[in-house]
Protein backbone atom coordinates (compact mmCIF):
# COMPACT_ATOMS: atom_id res chain seq x y z
CA MET A 1 -15.25 48.70 2.74
CA ARG A 2 -13.93 45.73 0.75
CA ILE A 3 -10.59 45.60 -1.06
CA LEU A 4 -9.36 42.86 -3.40
CA ILE A 5 -5.57 42.60 -3.79
CA CYS A 6 -4.35 40.75 -6.88
CA THR A 7 -0.70 39.69 -6.90
CA GLY A 8 1.46 37.21 -8.76
CA ILE A 9 3.37 36.15 -5.64
CA PHE A 10 2.76 36.13 -1.90
CA PRO A 11 4.84 34.80 1.03
CA PRO A 12 6.32 32.24 1.39
CA ASP A 13 7.29 33.20 -2.17
CA ILE A 14 10.38 35.42 -2.25
CA GLY A 15 10.52 38.87 -3.78
CA GLY A 16 9.53 42.50 -3.31
CA PRO A 17 5.98 42.13 -4.71
CA ALA A 18 5.28 39.29 -2.25
CA GLN A 19 6.32 41.43 0.72
CA TYR A 20 4.37 44.39 -0.71
CA ALA A 21 1.15 42.38 -1.05
CA LYS A 22 1.43 40.99 2.47
CA ALA A 23 2.23 44.37 4.04
CA ILE A 24 -0.61 46.34 2.45
CA ALA A 25 -3.08 43.51 3.14
CA GLU A 26 -2.06 43.65 6.81
CA GLU A 27 -2.34 47.43 6.87
CA PHE A 28 -5.82 47.52 5.35
CA SER A 29 -6.93 44.67 7.58
CA LYS A 30 -5.78 46.50 10.73
CA ARG A 31 -8.22 49.27 9.79
CA GLY A 32 -11.15 46.88 9.78
CA ILE A 33 -11.32 46.72 5.98
CA ASP A 34 -12.48 43.40 4.52
CA VAL A 35 -9.51 42.20 2.43
CA GLN A 36 -9.11 39.28 0.04
CA VAL A 37 -5.87 38.36 -1.75
CA ILE A 38 -5.72 36.28 -4.93
CA THR A 39 -2.31 34.96 -5.97
CA TYR A 40 -0.41 32.12 -7.64
CA ALA A 41 1.47 29.45 -5.71
CA ASP A 42 3.49 26.28 -6.28
CA PHE A 43 1.33 23.26 -5.50
CA ALA A 44 -0.14 20.40 -7.48
CA ILE A 45 -3.86 20.94 -6.95
CA SER A 46 -5.77 23.55 -8.90
CA LYS A 47 -7.16 25.61 -6.03
CA SER A 48 -6.96 25.87 -2.26
CA LYS A 49 -8.56 28.30 0.16
CA ILE A 50 -6.96 29.04 3.51
CA LEU A 51 -7.13 31.71 6.17
CA ILE A 52 -3.92 33.63 6.80
CA SER A 53 -1.89 32.35 9.73
CA LYS A 54 -0.76 33.88 13.01
CA GLN A 55 1.84 36.04 11.28
CA ILE A 56 -0.92 38.56 10.58
CA LEU A 57 -1.54 40.93 13.48
CA ASN A 58 -5.24 41.15 12.68
CA PRO A 59 -6.15 37.97 10.75
CA LYS A 60 -9.21 39.16 8.88
CA PHE A 61 -8.27 38.53 5.29
CA GLN A 62 -8.44 35.51 3.06
CA ILE A 63 -5.95 34.29 0.48
CA ILE A 64 -6.95 32.33 -2.61
CA PHE A 65 -4.12 30.44 -4.30
CA ILE A 66 -4.12 29.49 -7.99
CA SER A 67 -1.62 26.76 -8.88
CA LYS A 68 1.45 27.70 -10.92
CA ILE A 69 1.65 24.07 -12.03
CA LEU A 70 -1.13 24.71 -14.54
CA PRO A 71 -0.02 25.71 -18.07
CA LYS A 72 0.21 29.40 -18.89
CA GLY A 73 -3.03 30.64 -20.33
CA ILE A 74 -5.05 28.06 -18.42
CA ARG A 75 -3.89 29.34 -15.05
CA HIS A 76 -4.50 32.93 -16.19
CA LEU A 77 -8.02 31.96 -17.26
CA LEU A 78 -8.60 30.26 -13.91
CA TYR A 79 -7.30 33.37 -12.16
CA PHE A 80 -9.82 35.48 -14.09
CA LEU A 81 -12.69 33.10 -13.27
CA GLU A 82 -11.73 33.02 -9.59
CA LEU A 83 -11.75 36.81 -9.54
CA ILE A 84 -15.37 37.18 -10.59
CA PRO A 85 -17.25 36.40 -7.34
CA PHE A 86 -14.84 38.64 -5.40
CA VAL A 87 -14.94 41.46 -7.94
CA LEU A 88 -18.74 41.51 -7.69
CA LYS A 89 -18.55 42.15 -3.93
CA THR A 90 -15.56 44.49 -3.74
CA ASP A 91 -15.27 48.28 -3.68
CA LEU A 92 -11.66 48.60 -4.83
CA ILE A 93 -9.29 46.30 -6.72
CA ILE A 94 -5.53 46.71 -6.40
CA ALA A 95 -3.40 44.81 -8.93
CA LEU A 96 0.33 44.53 -8.29
CA ASP A 97 1.69 43.80 -11.76
CA THR A 98 0.83 44.71 -15.34
CA PHE A 99 0.63 41.29 -16.96
CA SER A 100 0.21 38.04 -15.02
CA VAL A 101 -2.50 39.51 -12.79
CA GLY A 102 -2.83 42.97 -14.32
CA PHE A 103 -4.61 41.93 -17.49
CA PRO A 104 -7.17 39.48 -15.98
CA THR A 105 -7.82 41.88 -13.08
CA VAL A 106 -8.36 44.99 -15.21
CA LEU A 107 -10.52 42.97 -17.62
CA ALA A 108 -12.73 41.71 -14.77
CA GLY A 109 -12.99 45.19 -13.30
CA LYS A 110 -13.96 46.66 -16.66
CA ILE A 111 -16.62 44.02 -17.33
CA PHE A 112 -18.24 44.38 -13.92
CA GLY A 113 -17.80 48.13 -13.51
CA LYS A 114 -15.31 48.05 -10.64
CA LYS A 115 -12.41 50.45 -10.12
CA THR A 116 -8.91 48.97 -10.43
CA ILE A 117 -5.72 50.69 -9.31
CA LEU A 118 -2.82 49.10 -11.19
CA ARG A 119 0.50 49.42 -9.39
CA VAL A 120 3.41 49.59 -11.83
CA GLY A 121 6.81 48.75 -10.33
CA GLY A 122 8.37 46.68 -13.13
CA ASP A 123 8.04 45.84 -16.81
CA PHE A 124 7.40 42.22 -17.79
CA LEU A 125 7.71 42.93 -21.52
CA TRP A 126 11.16 44.51 -21.26
CA GLU A 127 12.40 41.80 -18.88
CA THR A 128 11.11 39.06 -21.20
CA CYS A 129 12.77 40.55 -24.28
CA VAL A 130 16.15 41.08 -22.59
CA GLU A 131 16.13 37.55 -21.17
CA LYS A 132 15.10 35.96 -24.47
CA THR A 133 17.47 37.84 -26.80
CA GLY A 134 20.37 38.70 -24.52
CA ASN A 135 20.21 42.22 -25.99
CA LEU A 136 21.10 44.30 -22.95
CA MET A 137 18.98 47.38 -23.60
CA THR A 138 18.10 49.85 -20.89
CA LEU A 139 14.41 50.36 -20.19
CA LYS A 140 14.56 53.80 -21.87
CA ASP A 141 16.35 52.49 -24.96
CA PHE A 142 14.01 49.53 -25.28
CA TYR A 143 11.01 51.80 -25.71
CA ALA A 144 12.90 54.43 -27.72
CA GLU A 145 14.07 51.87 -30.29
CA MET A 146 11.49 49.07 -29.76
CA PRO A 147 13.21 45.98 -31.21
CA ARG A 148 11.37 43.51 -33.41
CA LEU A 149 9.07 41.49 -31.15
CA THR A 150 8.16 37.82 -31.47
CA LEU A 151 4.50 36.81 -31.67
CA LYS A 152 4.52 35.99 -27.95
CA GLN A 153 6.13 39.31 -27.07
CA ARG A 154 3.64 41.23 -29.22
CA LEU A 155 0.84 39.49 -27.31
CA ILE A 156 2.43 40.53 -24.00
CA TYR A 157 2.71 44.10 -25.28
CA PHE A 158 -0.96 44.15 -26.34
CA LEU A 159 -2.24 42.72 -23.05
CA GLN A 160 0.01 44.96 -20.98
CA LYS A 161 -1.14 48.01 -22.95
CA PHE A 162 -4.77 46.99 -22.41
CA ALA A 163 -4.22 46.81 -18.65
CA LEU A 164 -2.39 50.15 -18.51
CA ARG A 165 -5.01 51.99 -20.56
CA ASN A 166 -8.15 50.44 -19.10
CA CYS A 167 -7.54 50.55 -15.36
CA ALA A 168 -9.08 53.36 -13.35
CA ALA A 169 -5.73 54.61 -12.09
CA LEU A 170 -2.03 53.81 -12.25
CA GLY A 171 0.30 53.88 -9.26
CA PHE A 172 3.95 54.15 -10.35
CA SER A 173 6.78 53.67 -7.87
CA THR A 174 8.96 56.31 -9.61
CA THR A 175 8.46 59.37 -11.81
CA TRP A 176 11.20 57.98 -14.07
CA GLN A 177 9.12 54.98 -15.13
CA LYS A 178 5.91 57.00 -15.15
CA GLU A 179 7.32 59.32 -17.82
CA ILE A 180 8.66 56.43 -19.94
CA PHE A 181 5.31 54.62 -19.87
CA GLU A 182 3.16 57.71 -20.41
CA LYS A 183 5.12 58.53 -23.54
CA ASN A 184 5.34 55.07 -25.06
CA TYR A 185 1.93 53.68 -24.09
CA LYS A 186 0.24 57.06 -24.66
CA LEU A 187 -1.32 57.07 -21.18
CA ASN A 188 -3.49 59.76 -19.68
CA PRO A 189 -1.29 61.64 -17.14
CA LYS A 190 -4.40 62.57 -15.14
CA LYS A 191 -4.88 58.98 -14.06
CA SER A 192 -1.19 58.39 -13.19
CA PHE A 193 0.00 58.77 -9.59
CA ILE A 194 3.22 58.16 -7.67
CA ILE A 195 3.13 55.66 -4.80
CA GLU A 196 6.73 55.28 -3.69
CA ASN A 197 8.10 52.05 -2.31
CA TYR A 198 8.43 51.35 1.39
CA TYR A 199 11.27 53.27 3.09
CA GLY A 200 11.48 51.89 6.62
CA GLU A 201 12.91 53.24 9.83
CA LYS A 202 16.60 52.60 10.42
CA ILE A 203 17.55 49.25 11.97
CA ASP A 204 20.59 48.04 13.91
CA SER A 205 23.44 46.45 11.99
CA SER A 206 26.93 45.19 12.77
CA GLU A 207 30.40 46.17 11.62
CA PRO A 208 31.58 43.96 8.74
CA LYS A 209 34.27 41.37 9.37
CA GLU A 210 35.38 41.42 5.74
CA LYS A 211 34.92 43.56 2.62
CA ASN A 212 32.07 41.53 1.19
CA PHE A 213 29.77 43.17 -1.35
CA ILE A 214 26.35 41.54 -1.53
CA PHE A 215 24.34 41.14 -4.71
CA ALA A 216 20.77 39.88 -4.21
CA GLY A 217 18.15 39.22 -6.84
CA ARG A 218 16.92 36.93 -9.55
CA PRO A 219 19.64 35.57 -11.89
CA LEU A 220 18.39 37.55 -14.90
CA LYS A 221 20.56 38.90 -17.70
CA LEU A 222 19.32 42.41 -17.04
CA LYS A 223 20.87 42.22 -13.56
CA ASN A 224 24.33 42.31 -15.23
CA ILE A 225 25.58 39.56 -12.92
CA ASN A 226 28.06 38.03 -15.40
CA LEU A 227 29.93 41.33 -15.75
CA LEU A 228 29.93 41.72 -11.96
CA LYS A 229 31.41 38.23 -11.49
CA GLU A 230 34.07 39.01 -14.07
CA ILE A 231 35.04 42.23 -12.30
CA PHE A 232 35.40 40.58 -8.89
CA HIS A 233 37.37 37.72 -10.44
CA GLU A 234 39.84 40.25 -11.85
CA LEU A 235 40.04 42.10 -8.53
CA GLY A 236 40.83 38.81 -6.79
CA LYS A 237 43.65 38.08 -9.23
CA GLU A 238 44.96 41.58 -8.60
CA LYS A 239 45.04 40.78 -4.85
CA PHE A 240 42.45 43.33 -3.78
CA ASP A 241 40.77 42.47 -0.48
CA VAL A 242 37.16 42.44 -1.74
CA GLN A 243 34.65 39.64 -2.18
CA LEU A 244 31.35 39.22 -4.00
CA GLU A 245 28.55 37.33 -2.27
CA ILE A 246 25.61 36.42 -4.50
CA ILE A 247 22.28 35.71 -2.82
CA GLU A 248 19.45 34.15 -4.80
CA ASN A 249 16.05 33.03 -3.54
CA ALA A 250 16.73 33.81 0.11
CA PRO A 251 13.75 34.40 2.41
CA TYR A 252 13.37 38.08 3.27
CA GLU A 253 14.35 37.66 6.92
CA GLU A 254 17.50 35.75 5.94
CA LEU A 255 18.45 38.38 3.36
CA MET A 256 18.04 41.15 5.93
CA GLU A 257 20.40 39.36 8.31
CA LYS A 258 22.97 39.12 5.50
CA ILE A 259 22.59 42.82 4.72
CA LYS A 260 23.03 43.82 8.37
CA LYS A 261 26.39 42.01 8.52
CA CYS A 262 27.81 42.88 5.09
CA TYR A 263 30.32 45.54 4.03
CA ALA A 264 28.23 47.03 1.22
CA VAL A 265 25.65 46.08 -1.41
CA ILE A 266 25.92 46.33 -5.19
CA LEU A 267 23.35 46.26 -8.00
CA PRO A 268 24.74 47.23 -11.46
CA SER A 269 21.61 46.24 -13.43
CA ILE A 270 21.10 47.35 -17.01
CA SER A 271 18.09 49.14 -15.52
CA ASP A 272 16.40 48.72 -12.13
CA ILE A 273 13.25 50.72 -11.53
CA SER A 274 12.99 50.92 -7.73
CA PRO A 275 14.94 48.05 -6.12
CA ASN A 276 13.83 47.21 -2.58
CA PHE A 277 17.22 45.56 -2.02
CA ILE A 278 18.87 48.99 -2.02
CA LEU A 279 16.22 50.50 0.24
CA ASP A 280 16.70 47.66 2.74
CA ALA A 281 20.46 48.29 2.71
CA ILE A 282 19.86 51.97 3.47
CA ARG A 283 17.75 50.98 6.47
CA ALA A 284 20.77 49.10 7.80
CA ASN A 285 23.11 52.05 7.04
CA LYS A 286 25.08 50.04 4.50
CA PRO A 287 26.82 51.87 1.62
CA PHE A 288 25.60 50.89 -1.84
CA ILE A 289 26.61 50.89 -5.50
CA LEU A 290 23.64 51.12 -7.86
CA THR A 291 23.09 51.46 -11.59
CA LYS A 292 22.45 55.03 -12.72
CA GLU A 293 19.66 53.62 -14.93
CA THR A 294 17.16 53.65 -12.09
CA GLY A 295 14.12 55.54 -10.93
CA LEU A 296 15.81 56.04 -7.56
CA TYR A 297 18.68 58.17 -8.86
CA ASP A 298 17.21 61.58 -8.06
CA LYS A 299 16.09 60.41 -4.63
CA LEU A 300 19.33 58.74 -3.61
CA LYS A 301 22.08 60.55 -5.54
CA GLY A 302 23.35 62.22 -2.38
CA ALA A 303 23.42 58.99 -0.41
CA GLY A 304 25.26 56.44 -2.55
CA ILE A 305 27.44 55.60 -5.54
CA PHE A 306 26.04 55.21 -9.05
CA VAL A 307 27.61 53.46 -12.04
CA ASP A 308 27.24 53.13 -15.80
CA PRO A 309 26.08 49.49 -16.17
CA PHE A 310 27.85 49.17 -19.54
CA ASN A 311 31.18 50.57 -18.33
CA LYS A 312 33.26 47.82 -16.77
CA ASN A 313 36.01 50.20 -15.67
CA ASP A 314 33.51 52.53 -14.01
CA ILE A 315 32.02 49.68 -11.94
CA LYS A 316 35.50 48.39 -11.06
CA GLU A 317 36.72 51.84 -9.98
CA LYS A 318 33.65 52.45 -7.84
CA ILE A 319 34.14 49.12 -6.05
CA LEU A 320 37.75 50.07 -5.28
CA LEU A 321 36.63 53.56 -4.25
CA LEU A 322 34.30 52.06 -1.66
CA ALA A 323 36.90 49.49 -0.58
CA ASP A 324 39.09 52.36 0.64
CA ASP A 325 38.55 52.78 4.38
CA LYS A 326 38.38 56.59 4.25
CA ASN A 327 35.84 56.61 1.43
CA TYR A 328 33.85 53.85 3.11
CA LYS A 329 33.42 55.97 6.25
CA GLU A 330 32.32 58.92 4.13
CA TYR A 331 29.64 56.95 2.27
CA LYS A 332 28.51 55.20 5.41
CA GLU A 333 27.89 58.63 6.92
CA LYS A 334 25.95 59.71 3.81
CA VAL A 335 23.68 56.68 4.08
CA LYS A 336 23.27 57.26 7.80
CA ASN A 337 22.12 60.82 7.11
CA PHE A 338 19.44 59.67 4.66
CA ASN A 339 16.39 59.56 6.92
CA PHE A 340 13.43 59.70 4.53
CA THR A 341 10.68 57.24 5.48
CA HIS A 342 7.56 56.08 3.68
CA SER A 343 5.54 53.71 5.85
CA TRP A 344 3.02 51.04 4.91
CA GLU A 345 0.43 53.22 6.64
CA GLU A 346 1.26 56.08 4.25
CA ILE A 347 1.19 53.72 1.25
CA ALA A 348 -2.26 52.43 2.25
CA ASN A 349 -3.46 56.02 2.70
CA GLU A 350 -2.22 56.91 -0.79
CA PHE A 351 -4.17 54.04 -2.35
CA LEU A 352 -7.30 55.18 -0.53
CA GLU A 353 -6.77 58.82 -1.55
CA ILE A 354 -6.53 57.75 -5.20
CA TYR A 355 -9.71 55.68 -4.76
CA LYS A 356 -11.56 58.77 -3.50
CA LYS A 357 -10.62 60.62 -6.70
CA LEU A 358 -11.91 57.92 -9.06
């Protein structure tokens, strides 16, 4: 069998999709499946082909890098052209976003009669609109009210809709987003499936030396970071013994070391579909504060603290709640008792089970 994995980022790039692409490529490769990965990367030449390094347990797959230095549109066209010889030889295509690789991948699959599973774990259109306008709308409200879109945003919407409607199957990370997208993009529920994110086994961590709350992620407006900074600034002036540590662009291994040593983690985003940052904190038995506008609410509501991302007082009170030693022990025990796992082996199996149904 041959599988083509299309992703916008891949290690050493930082981010959940990069780790996801690497992990499922390794998992498929370990089974003797012929795997190719096509991705974007930061370098000055237009194309480079390399074999994956020693980090892979079973180095049988190839990565093709398309330069991010190229202008938008041109690099997407090059991505599409690079896909063609691999699409012709592959049995299954897995695309890991809906726009930057989703559209060219689904288009290539449709032209050449190949099945594409499109994994949906984010929303480029919503993120783009929030970042451009500063209008902090939740994901649900964005689609319920649909603000006036610019020409560029309308193009993104059209291309994203094409990818969602024309792939062979959709793999959503949460039912929450699945329902929002099915309603607003008028998708066929029969081709929508849930493939949850990776929930790993518990790992060792250390007792915190201070009450430091870690925020990790891209510095986007939808992450609500300015409000979070304001809250911790006020708490400092009020002499509360809590600190905010912001981590941006840290390699995954470095971030995990920070999580293992911290007091708690916090992510009060306007919406956050299925943040891996929180799942990594749970692995390390670290209490967390998370926006209630998330696809993980039903899964994790018994394990952590949830906040209204628009309610400053609510976020502030929940930080102080967790800063109390008695409450901290209680929530640490709740996280410790959350033992659900979802391995990369299971994720790979779910992709293959969907493929069998196509």
